[in-house]
Amino acid sequence: CRERAEDAAGGVGESGKVRSQLEEKENKKFPIFKAVEFRSQVVAGTNHFIKVQVGDDDFVHIRVFKSLPHENKPLALSSYQTNKARHDELSYF
């Protein structure tokens, strides 16, 4: 599960685009981008809810959508919440 979170959050290849999508929306580069918590919700595809450490004590919650395999679409950053702490609950948003 941890590997899926890391991959969906901003690993190499296709999933690295999620990190760049967030950095573009926030107009900044994150020195750290490490998934520390992960949940998923099956819809017509999968929503991945990921708590990502982006600084020493800075966290963001991201929602990444992975479409169904036959749709052949890239991972997409659907939504995000900034100014989160390690202890903040990761829930649907």
PDB file of N, CA and C in Angstrom:
ATOM      1  N   CYS A   1       0.836  -1.196   0.000  1.00  0.00           N
ATOM      2  CA  CYS A   1       0.000   0.000   0.000  1.00  0.00           C
ATOM      3  C   CYS A   1       0.879   1.258   0.000  1.00  0.00           C
ATOM      4  N   ARG A   2       1.956   1.266   0.766  1.00  0.00           N
ATOM      5  CA  ARG A   2       2.847   2.427   0.827  1.00  0.00           C
ATOM      6  C   ARG A   2       3.414   2.749  -0.545  1.00  0.00           C
ATOM      7  N   GLU A   3       3.792   1.687  -1.321  1.00  0.00           N
ATOM      8  CA  GLU A   3       4.335   1.934  -2.655  1.00  0.00           C
ATOM      9  C   GLU A   3       3.298   2.582  -3.555  1.00  0.00           C
ATOM     10  N   ARG A   4       2.032   2.137  -3.447  1.00  0.00           N
ATOM     11  CA  ARG A   4       0.974   2.747  -4.264  1.00  0.00           C
ATOM     12  C   ARG A   4       0.803   4.212  -3.900  1.00  0.00           C
ATOM     13  N   ALA A   5       0.877   4.529  -2.607  1.00  0.00           N
ATOM     14  CA  ALA A   5       0.736   5.918  -2.173  1.00  0.00           C
ATOM     15  C   ALA A   5       1.873   6.761  -2.712  1.00  0.00           C
ATOM     16  N   GLU A   6       3.099   6.251  -2.566  1.00  0.00           N
ATOM     17  CA  GLU A   6       4.261   6.983  -3.077  1.00  0.00           C
ATOM     18  C   GLU A   6       4.136   7.176  -4.581  1.00  0.00           C
ATOM     19  N   ASP A   7       3.737   6.128  -5.277  1.00  0.00           N
ATOM     20  CA  ASP A   7       3.628   6.196  -6.726  1.00  0.00           C
ATOM     21  C   ASP A   7       2.553   7.191  -7.145  1.00  0.00           C
ATOM     22  N   ALA A   8       1.398   7.130  -6.522  1.00  0.00           N
ATOM     23  CA  ALA A   8       0.310   8.036  -6.882  1.00  0.00           C
ATOM     24  C   ALA A   8       0.610   9.472  -6.472  1.00  0.00           C
ATOM     25  N   ALA A   9       1.374   9.653  -5.403  1.00  0.00           N
ATOM     26  CA  ALA A   9       1.657  10.997  -4.914  1.00  0.00           C
ATOM     27  C   ALA A   9       2.650  11.741  -5.786  1.00  0.00           C
ATOM     28  N   GLY A  10       3.617  11.082  -6.297  1.00  0.00           N
ATOM     29  CA  GLY A  10       4.593  11.840  -7.075  1.00  0.00           C
ATOM     30  C   GLY A  10       5.872  11.109  -7.311  1.00  0.00           C
ATOM     31  N   GLY A  11       5.782   9.841  -7.533  1.00  0.00           N
ATOM     32  CA  GLY A  11       6.960   9.045  -7.828  1.00  0.00           C
ATOM     33  C   GLY A  11       7.498   9.359  -9.204  1.00  0.00           C
ATOM     34  N   VAL A  12       8.060   8.383  -9.812  1.00  0.00           N
ATOM     35  CA  VAL A  12       8.668   8.578 -11.129  1.00  0.00           C
ATOM     36  C   VAL A  12       7.646   8.349 -12.232  1.00  0.00           C
ATOM     37  N   GLY A  13       7.994   8.752 -13.417  1.00  0.00           N
ATOM     38  CA  GLY A  13       7.138   8.503 -14.578  1.00  0.00           C
ATOM     39  C   GLY A  13       5.824   9.245 -14.511  1.00  0.00           C
ATOM     40  N   GLU A  14       4.759   8.548 -14.878  1.00  0.00           N
ATOM     41  CA  GLU A  14       3.417   9.130 -14.959  1.00  0.00           C
ATOM     42  C   GLU A  14       2.999   9.800 -13.666  1.00  0.00           C
ATOM     43  N   SER A  15       3.237   9.143 -12.535  1.00  0.00           N
ATOM     44  CA  SER A  15       2.771   9.676 -11.260  1.00  0.00           C
ATOM     45  C   SER A  15       3.525  10.930 -10.834  1.00  0.00           C
ATOM     46  N   GLY A  16       4.727  11.142 -11.353  1.00  0.00           N
ATOM     47  CA  GLY A  16       5.463  12.359 -11.046  1.00  0.00           C
ATOM     48  C   GLY A  16       4.732  13.604 -11.516  1.00  0.00           C
ATOM     49  N   LYS A  17       3.807  13.426 -12.449  1.00  0.00           N
ATOM     50  CA  LYS A  17       3.033  14.553 -12.948  1.00  0.00           C
ATOM     51  C   LYS A  17       2.114  15.130 -11.879  1.00  0.00           C
ATOM     52  N   VAL A  18       1.708  14.314 -10.909  1.00  0.00           N
ATOM     53  CA  VAL A  18       0.840  14.808  -9.842  1.00  0.00           C
ATOM     54  C   VAL A  18       1.588  15.841  -9.014  1.00  0.00           C
ATOM     55  N   ARG A  19       2.834  15.546  -8.666  1.00  0.00           N
ATOM     56  CA  ARG A  19       3.646  16.519  -7.923  1.00  0.00           C
ATOM     57  C   ARG A  19       3.766  17.812  -8.717  1.00  0.00           C
ATOM     58  N   SER A  20       4.080  17.706  -9.985  1.00  0.00           N
ATOM     59  CA  SER A  20       4.244  18.917 -10.785  1.00  0.00           C
ATOM     60  C   SER A  20       2.930  19.667 -10.946  1.00  0.00           C
ATOM     61  N   GLN A  21       1.797  18.952 -10.988  1.00  0.00           N
ATOM     62  CA  GLN A  21       0.494  19.621 -11.054  1.00  0.00           C
ATOM     63  C   GLN A  21       0.258  20.462  -9.800  1.00  0.00           C
ATOM     64  N   LEU A  22       0.569  19.896  -8.630  1.00  0.00           N
ATOM     65  CA  LEU A  22       0.376  20.633  -7.382  1.00  0.00           C
ATOM     66  C   LEU A  22       1.337  21.815  -7.296  1.00  0.00           C
ATOM     67  N   GLU A  23       2.595  21.591  -7.660  1.00  0.00           N
ATOM     68  CA  GLU A  23       3.570  22.682  -7.619  1.00  0.00           C
ATOM     69  C   GLU A  23       3.148  23.817  -8.555  1.00  0.00           C
ATOM     70  N   GLU A  24       2.586  23.473  -9.683  1.00  0.00           N
ATOM     71  CA  GLU A  24       2.119  24.501 -10.620  1.00  0.00           C
ATOM     72  C   GLU A  24       0.936  25.267 -10.027  1.00  0.00           C
ATOM     73  N   LYS A  25      -0.027  24.551  -9.429  1.00  0.00           N
ATOM     74  CA  LYS A  25      -1.196  25.212  -8.846  1.00  0.00           C
ATOM     75  C   LYS A  25      -0.809  26.114  -7.673  1.00  0.00           C
ATOM     76  N   GLU A  26       0.174  25.681  -6.887  1.00  0.00           N
ATOM     77  CA  GLU A  26       0.617  26.458  -5.729  1.00  0.00           C
ATOM     78  C   GLU A  26       1.728  27.449  -6.085  1.00  0.00           C
ATOM     79  N   ASN A  27       2.240  27.368  -7.305  1.00  0.00           N
ATOM     80  CA  ASN A  27       3.320  28.232  -7.783  1.00  0.00           C
ATOM     81  C   ASN A  27       4.542  28.183  -6.869  1.00  0.00           C
ATOM     82  N   LYS A  28       4.920  26.935  -6.483  1.00  0.00           N
ATOM     83  CA  LYS A  28       6.132  26.756  -5.685  1.00  0.00           C
ATOM     84  C   LYS A  28       6.622  25.328  -5.804  1.00  0.00           C
ATOM     85  N   LYS A  29       7.893  25.134  -5.503  1.00  0.00           N
ATOM     86  CA  LYS A  29       8.505  23.808  -5.508  1.00  0.00           C
ATOM     87  C   LYS A  29       8.576  23.325  -4.064  1.00  0.00           C
ATOM     88  N   PHE A  30       8.267  22.054  -3.867  1.00  0.00           N
ATOM     89  CA  PHE A  30       8.307  21.477  -2.537  1.00  0.00           C
ATOM     90  C   PHE A  30       9.630  20.738  -2.338  1.00  0.00           C
ATOM     91  N   PRO A  31      10.362  21.057  -1.248  1.00  0.00           N
ATOM     92  CA  PRO A  31      11.649  20.393  -1.015  1.00  0.00           C
ATOM     93  C   PRO A  31      11.484  18.903  -0.702  1.00  0.00           C
ATOM     94  N   ILE A  32      10.342  18.540  -0.174  1.00  0.00           N
ATOM     95  CA  ILE A  32      10.017  17.153   0.154  1.00  0.00           C
ATOM     96  C   ILE A  32       8.662  16.861  -0.471  1.00  0.00           C
ATOM     97  N   PHE A  33       8.454  15.647  -0.936  1.00  0.00           N
ATOM     98  CA  PHE A  33       7.139  15.233  -1.443  1.00  0.00           C
ATOM     99  C   PHE A  33       6.996  13.757  -1.155  1.00  0.00           C
ATOM    100  N   LYS A  34       6.664  13.451   0.100  1.00  0.00           N
ATOM    101  CA  LYS A  34       6.654  12.070   0.579  1.00  0.00           C
ATOM    102  C   LYS A  34       5.274  11.703   1.111  1.00  0.00           C
ATOM    103  N   ALA A  35       4.669  10.661   0.544  1.00  0.00           N
ATOM    104  CA  ALA A  35       3.370  10.184   1.022  1.00  0.00           C
ATOM    105  C   ALA A  35       3.550   9.557   2.400  1.00  0.00           C
ATOM    106  N   VAL A  36       2.717   9.993   3.364  1.00  0.00           N
ATOM    107  CA  VAL A  36       2.810   9.440   4.719  1.00  0.00           C
ATOM    108  C   VAL A  36       1.532   8.739   5.148  1.00  0.00           C
ATOM    109  N   GLU A  37       0.441   8.929   4.410  1.00  0.00           N
ATOM    110  CA  GLU A  37      -0.817   8.243   4.703  1.00  0.00           C
ATOM    111  C   GLU A  37      -1.598   8.138   3.404  1.00  0.00           C
ATOM    112  N   PHE A  38      -2.437   7.103   3.303  1.00  0.00           N
ATOM    113  CA  PHE A  38      -3.083   6.795   2.032  1.00  0.00           C
ATOM    114  C   PHE A  38      -4.444   6.173   2.279  1.00  0.00           C
ATOM    115  N   ARG A  39      -5.438   6.585   1.534  1.00  0.00           N
ATOM    116  CA  ARG A  39      -6.768   5.964   1.514  1.00  0.00           C
ATOM    117  C   ARG A  39      -7.225   5.944   0.071  1.00  0.00           C
ATOM    118  N   SER A  40      -8.147   5.050  -0.243  1.00  0.00           N
ATOM    119  CA  SER A  40      -8.695   5.068  -1.595  1.00  0.00           C
ATOM    120  C   SER A  40     -10.185   4.825  -1.577  1.00  0.00           C
ATOM    121  N   GLN A  41     -10.825   5.258  -2.649  1.00  0.00           N
ATOM    122  CA  GLN A  41     -12.265   5.136  -2.826  1.00  0.00           C
ATOM    123  C   GLN A  41     -12.499   4.708  -4.268  1.00  0.00           C
ATOM    124  N   VAL A  42     -13.164   3.576  -4.430  1.00  0.00           N
ATOM    125  CA  VAL A  42     -13.448   3.093  -5.776  1.00  0.00           C
ATOM    126  C   VAL A  42     -14.708   3.784  -6.288  1.00  0.00           C
ATOM    127  N   VAL A  43     -14.562   4.407  -7.440  1.00  0.00           N
ATOM    128  CA  VAL A  43     -15.670   5.056  -8.143  1.00  0.00           C
ATOM    129  C   VAL A  43     -15.585   4.515  -9.573  1.00  0.00           C
ATOM    130  N   ALA A  44     -15.882   5.289 -10.572  1.00  0.00           N
ATOM    131  CA  ALA A  44     -15.635   4.855 -11.955  1.00  0.00           C
ATOM    132  C   ALA A  44     -14.163   5.115 -12.236  1.00  0.00           C
ATOM    133  N   GLY A  45     -13.329   4.406 -11.517  1.00  0.00           N
ATOM    134  CA  GLY A  45     -11.892   4.606 -11.427  1.00  0.00           C
ATOM    135  C   GLY A  45     -11.585   4.574  -9.934  1.00  0.00           C
ATOM    136  N   THR A  46     -10.510   5.211  -9.509  1.00  0.00           N
ATOM    137  CA  THR A  46     -10.165   5.222  -8.087  1.00  0.00           C
ATOM    138  C   THR A  46      -9.710   6.607  -7.669  1.00  0.00           C
ATOM    139  N   ASN A  47     -10.281   7.106  -6.569  1.00  0.00           N
ATOM    140  CA  ASN A  47      -9.779   8.314  -5.920  1.00  0.00           C
ATOM    141  C   ASN A  47      -8.786   7.874  -4.854  1.00  0.00           C
ATOM    142  N   HIS A  48      -7.581   8.424  -4.900  1.00  0.00           N
ATOM    143  CA  HIS A  48      -6.578   8.168  -3.878  1.00  0.00           C
ATOM    144  C   HIS A  48      -6.465   9.438  -3.046  1.00  0.00           C
ATOM    145  N   PHE A  49      -6.642   9.306  -1.750  1.00  0.00           N
ATOM    146  CA  PHE A  49      -6.476  10.411  -0.817  1.00  0.00           C
ATOM    147  C   PHE A  49      -5.139  10.200  -0.138  1.00  0.00           C
ATOM    148  N   ILE A  50      -4.244  11.171  -0.271  1.00  0.00           N
ATOM    149  CA  ILE A  50      -2.874  10.978   0.186  1.00  0.00           C
ATOM    150  C   ILE A  50      -2.428  12.177   1.007  1.00  0.00           C
ATOM    151  N   LYS A  51      -1.905  11.895   2.199  1.00  0.00           N
ATOM    152  CA  LYS A  51      -1.272  12.936   3.006  1.00  0.00           C
ATOM    153  C   LYS A  51       0.189  12.964   2.587  1.00  0.00           C
ATOM    154  N   VAL A  52       0.660  14.135   2.149  1.00  0.00           N
ATOM    155  CA  VAL A  52       2.007  14.259   1.616  1.00  0.00           C
ATOM    156  C   VAL A  52       2.795  15.266   2.454  1.00  0.00           C
ATOM    157  N   GLN A  53       3.969  14.840   2.887  1.00  0.00           N
ATOM    158  CA  GLN A  53       4.864  15.756   3.593  1.00  0.00           C
ATOM    159  C   GLN A  53       5.600  16.566   2.544  1.00  0.00           C
ATOM    160  N   VAL A  54       5.504  17.905   2.648  1.00  0.00           N
ATOM    161  CA  VAL A  54       6.134  18.781   1.658  1.00  0.00           C
ATOM    162  C   VAL A  54       7.192  19.692   2.271  1.00  0.00           C
ATOM    163  N   GLY A  55       7.405  19.571   3.568  1.00  0.00           N
ATOM    164  CA  GLY A  55       8.422  20.332   4.284  1.00  0.00           C
ATOM    165  C   GLY A  55       8.625  19.659   5.631  1.00  0.00           C
ATOM    166  N   ASP A  56       9.502  20.206   6.457  1.00  0.00           N
ATOM    167  CA  ASP A  56       9.766  19.582   7.758  1.00  0.00           C
ATOM    168  C   ASP A  56       8.486  19.323   8.534  1.00  0.00           C
ATOM    169  N   ASP A  57       7.665  20.345   8.687  1.00  0.00           N
ATOM    170  CA  ASP A  57       6.403  20.218   9.419  1.00  0.00           C
ATOM    171  C   ASP A  57       5.209  20.631   8.567  1.00  0.00           C
ATOM    172  N   ASP A  58       5.362  20.610   7.267  1.00  0.00           N
ATOM    173  CA  ASP A  58       4.307  21.039   6.352  1.00  0.00           C
ATOM    174  C   ASP A  58       3.757  19.839   5.586  1.00  0.00           C
ATOM    175  N   PHE A  59       2.424  19.781   5.522  1.00  0.00           N
ATOM    176  CA  PHE A  59       1.757  18.677   4.851  1.00  0.00           C
ATOM    177  C   PHE A  59       0.639  19.214   3.976  1.00  0.00           C
ATOM    178  N   VAL A  60       0.326  18.488   2.920  1.00  0.00           N
ATOM    179  CA  VAL A  60      -0.847  18.762   2.099  1.00  0.00           C
ATOM    180  C   VAL A  60      -1.619  17.462   1.964  1.00  0.00           C
ATOM    181  N   HIS A  61      -2.917  17.567   1.777  1.00  0.00           N
ATOM    182  CA  HIS A  61      -3.756  16.419   1.467  1.00  0.00           C
ATOM    183  C   HIS A  61      -4.105  16.552   0.000  1.00  0.00           C
ATOM    184  N   ILE A  62      -3.876  15.491  -0.752  1.00  0.00           N
ATOM    185  CA  ILE A  62      -4.185  15.536  -2.174  1.00  0.00           C
ATOM    186  C   ILE A  62      -5.168  14.418  -2.523  1.00  0.00           C
ATOM    187  N   ARG A  63      -5.999  14.685  -3.520  1.00  0.00           N
ATOM    188  CA  ARG A  63      -6.878  13.663  -4.070  1.00  0.00           C
ATOM    189  C   ARG A  63      -6.455  13.456  -5.520  1.00  0.00           C
ATOM    190  N   VAL A  64      -6.050  12.229  -5.812  1.00  0.00           N
ATOM    191  CA  VAL A  64      -5.567  11.868  -7.138  1.00  0.00           C
ATOM    192  C   VAL A  64      -6.560  10.886  -7.747  1.00  0.00           C
ATOM    193  N   PHE A  65      -6.964  11.131  -8.974  1.00  0.00           N
ATOM    194  CA  PHE A  65      -7.907  10.238  -9.648  1.00  0.00           C
ATOM    195  C   PHE A  65      -7.168   9.376 -10.649  1.00  0.00           C
ATOM    196  N   LYS A  66      -7.391   8.070 -10.534  1.00  0.00           N
ATOM    197  CA  LYS A  66      -6.848   7.115 -11.509  1.00  0.00           C
ATOM    198  C   LYS A  66      -8.032   6.527 -12.264  1.00  0.00           C
ATOM    199  N   SER A  67      -8.076   6.776 -13.561  1.00  0.00           N
ATOM    200  CA  SER A  67      -9.194   6.293 -14.375  1.00  0.00           C
ATOM    201  C   SER A  67      -9.108   4.791 -14.562  1.00  0.00           C
ATOM    202  N   LEU A  68     -10.164   4.237 -15.112  1.00  0.00           N
ATOM    203  CA  LEU A  68     -10.191   2.810 -15.410  1.00  0.00           C
ATOM    204  C   LEU A  68      -9.149   2.493 -16.489  1.00  0.00           C
ATOM    205  N   PRO A  69      -8.556   1.312 -16.436  1.00  0.00           N
ATOM    206  CA  PRO A  69      -7.468   0.976 -17.372  1.00  0.00           C
ATOM    207  C   PRO A  69      -7.811   1.179 -18.848  1.00  0.00           C
ATOM    208  N   HIS A  70      -9.018   0.840 -19.256  1.00  0.00           N
ATOM    209  CA  HIS A  70      -9.370   0.962 -20.679  1.00  0.00           C
ATOM    210  C   HIS A  70      -9.473   2.411 -21.152  1.00  0.00           C
ATOM    211  N   GLU A  71      -9.571   3.364 -20.206  1.00  0.00           N
ATOM    212  CA  GLU A  71      -9.656   4.780 -20.589  1.00  0.00           C
ATOM    213  C   GLU A  71      -8.295   5.351 -20.954  1.00  0.00           C
ATOM    214  N   ASN A  72      -7.224   4.700 -20.464  1.00  0.00           N
ATOM    215  CA  ASN A  72      -5.862   5.091 -20.812  1.00  0.00           C
ATOM    216  C   ASN A  72      -5.587   6.585 -20.578  1.00  0.00           C
ATOM    217  N   LYS A  73      -5.995   7.079 -19.401  1.00  0.00           N
ATOM    218  CA  LYS A  73      -5.777   8.484 -19.057  1.00  0.00           C
ATOM    219  C   LYS A  73      -4.716   8.574 -17.956  1.00  0.00           C
ATOM    220  N   PRO A  74      -3.980   9.687 -17.908  1.00  0.00           N
ATOM    221  CA  PRO A  74      -2.954   9.842 -16.868  1.00  0.00           C
ATOM    222  C   PRO A  74      -3.583  10.121 -15.496  1.00  0.00           C
ATOM    223  N   LEU A  75      -2.797   9.920 -14.452  1.00  0.00           N
ATOM    224  CA  LEU A  75      -3.226  10.302 -13.107  1.00  0.00           C
ATOM    225  C   LEU A  75      -3.495  11.796 -13.096  1.00  0.00           C
ATOM    226  N   ALA A  76      -4.517  12.201 -12.353  1.00  0.00           N
ATOM    227  CA  ALA A  76      -4.868  13.619 -12.316  1.00  0.00           C
ATOM    228  C   ALA A  76      -5.051  14.080 -10.876  1.00  0.00           C
ATOM    229  N   LEU A  77      -4.492  15.224 -10.556  1.00  0.00           N
ATOM    230  CA  LEU A  77      -4.710  15.861  -9.262  1.00  0.00           C
ATOM    231  C   LEU A  77      -6.105  16.461  -9.294  1.00  0.00           C
ATOM    232  N   SER A  78      -7.036  15.874  -8.533  1.00  0.00           N
ATOM    233  CA  SER A  78      -8.427  16.325  -8.552  1.00  0.00           C
ATOM    234  C   SER A  78      -8.666  17.491  -7.608  1.00  0.00           C
ATOM    235  N   SER A  79      -8.027  17.428  -6.434  1.00  0.00           N
ATOM    236  CA  SER A  79      -8.235  18.450  -5.421  1.00  0.00           C
ATOM    237  C   SER A  79      -7.098  18.366  -4.416  1.00  0.00           C
ATOM    238  N   TYR A  80      -6.934  19.430  -3.634  1.00  0.00           N
ATOM    239  CA  TYR A  80      -5.904  19.399  -2.600  1.00  0.00           C
ATOM    240  C   TYR A  80      -6.243  20.391  -1.504  1.00  0.00           C
ATOM    241  N   GLN A  81      -5.645  20.157  -0.334  1.00  0.00           N
ATOM    242  CA  GLN A  81      -5.805  21.042   0.812  1.00  0.00           C
ATOM    243  C   GLN A  81      -4.422  21.322   1.382  1.00  0.00           C
ATOM    244  N   THR A  82      -4.113  22.595   1.577  1.00  0.00           N
ATOM    245  CA  THR A  82      -2.806  22.988   2.113  1.00  0.00           C
ATOM    246  C   THR A  82      -2.919  23.292   3.599  1.00  0.00           C
ATOM    247  N   ASN A  83      -1.802  23.666   4.194  1.00  0.00           N
ATOM    248  CA  ASN A  83      -1.735  24.040   5.612  1.00  0.00           C
ATOM    249  C   ASN A  83      -2.231  22.919   6.523  1.00  0.00           C
ATOM    250  N   LYS A  84      -1.801  21.710   6.249  1.00  0.00           N
ATOM    251  CA  LYS A  84      -2.163  20.557   7.069  1.00  0.00           C
ATOM    252  C   LYS A  84      -0.981  20.183   7.961  1.00  0.00           C
ATOM    253  N   ALA A  85      -1.284  19.497   9.049  1.00  0.00           N
ATOM    254  CA  ALA A  85      -0.258  19.013   9.976  1.00  0.00           C
ATOM    255  C   ALA A  85      -0.263  17.487   9.959  1.00  0.00           C
ATOM    256  N   ARG A  86       0.791  16.897  10.475  1.00  0.00           N
ATOM    257  CA  ARG A  86       0.905  15.439  10.481  1.00  0.00           C
ATOM    258  C   ARG A  86      -0.297  14.797  11.173  1.00  0.00           C
ATOM    259  N   HIS A  87      -0.820  15.422  12.230  1.00  0.00           N
ATOM    260  CA  HIS A  87      -1.916  14.824  13.005  1.00  0.00           C
ATOM    261  C   HIS A  87      -3.313  15.060  12.388  1.00  0.00           C
ATOM    262  N   ASP A  88      -3.422  15.905  11.356  1.00  0.00           N
ATOM    263  CA  ASP A  88      -4.727  16.150  10.741  1.00  0.00           C
ATOM    264  C   ASP A  88      -5.261  14.886  10.084  1.00  0.00           C
ATOM    265  N   GLU A  89      -6.541  14.599  10.311  1.00  0.00           N
ATOM    266  CA  GLU A  89      -7.155  13.408   9.743  1.00  0.00           C
ATOM    267  C   GLU A  89      -7.275  13.507   8.231  1.00  0.00           C
ATOM    268  N   LEU A  90      -6.936  12.423   7.560  1.00  0.00           N
ATOM    269  CA  LEU A  90      -7.082  12.336   6.121  1.00  0.00           C
ATOM    270  C   LEU A  90      -8.457  11.761   5.829  1.00  0.00           C
ATOM    271  N   SER A  91      -9.332  12.559   5.238  1.00  0.00           N
ATOM    272  CA  SER A  91     -10.679  12.096   4.958  1.00  0.00           C
ATOM    273  C   SER A  91     -11.105  12.598   3.577  1.00  0.00           C
ATOM    274  N   TYR A  92     -12.276  12.154   3.134  1.00  0.00           N
ATOM    275  CA  TYR A  92     -12.779  12.566   1.829  1.00  0.00           C
ATOM    276  C   TYR A  92     -12.914  14.094   1.760  1.00  0.00           C
ATOM    277  N   PHE A  93     -12.517  14.662   0.668  1.00  0.00           N
ATOM    278  CA  PHE A  93     -12.741  16.089   0.400  1.00  0.00           C
ATOM    279  C   PHE A  93     -12.936  16.287  -1.075  1.00  0.00           C
TER     280      PHE A  93
END
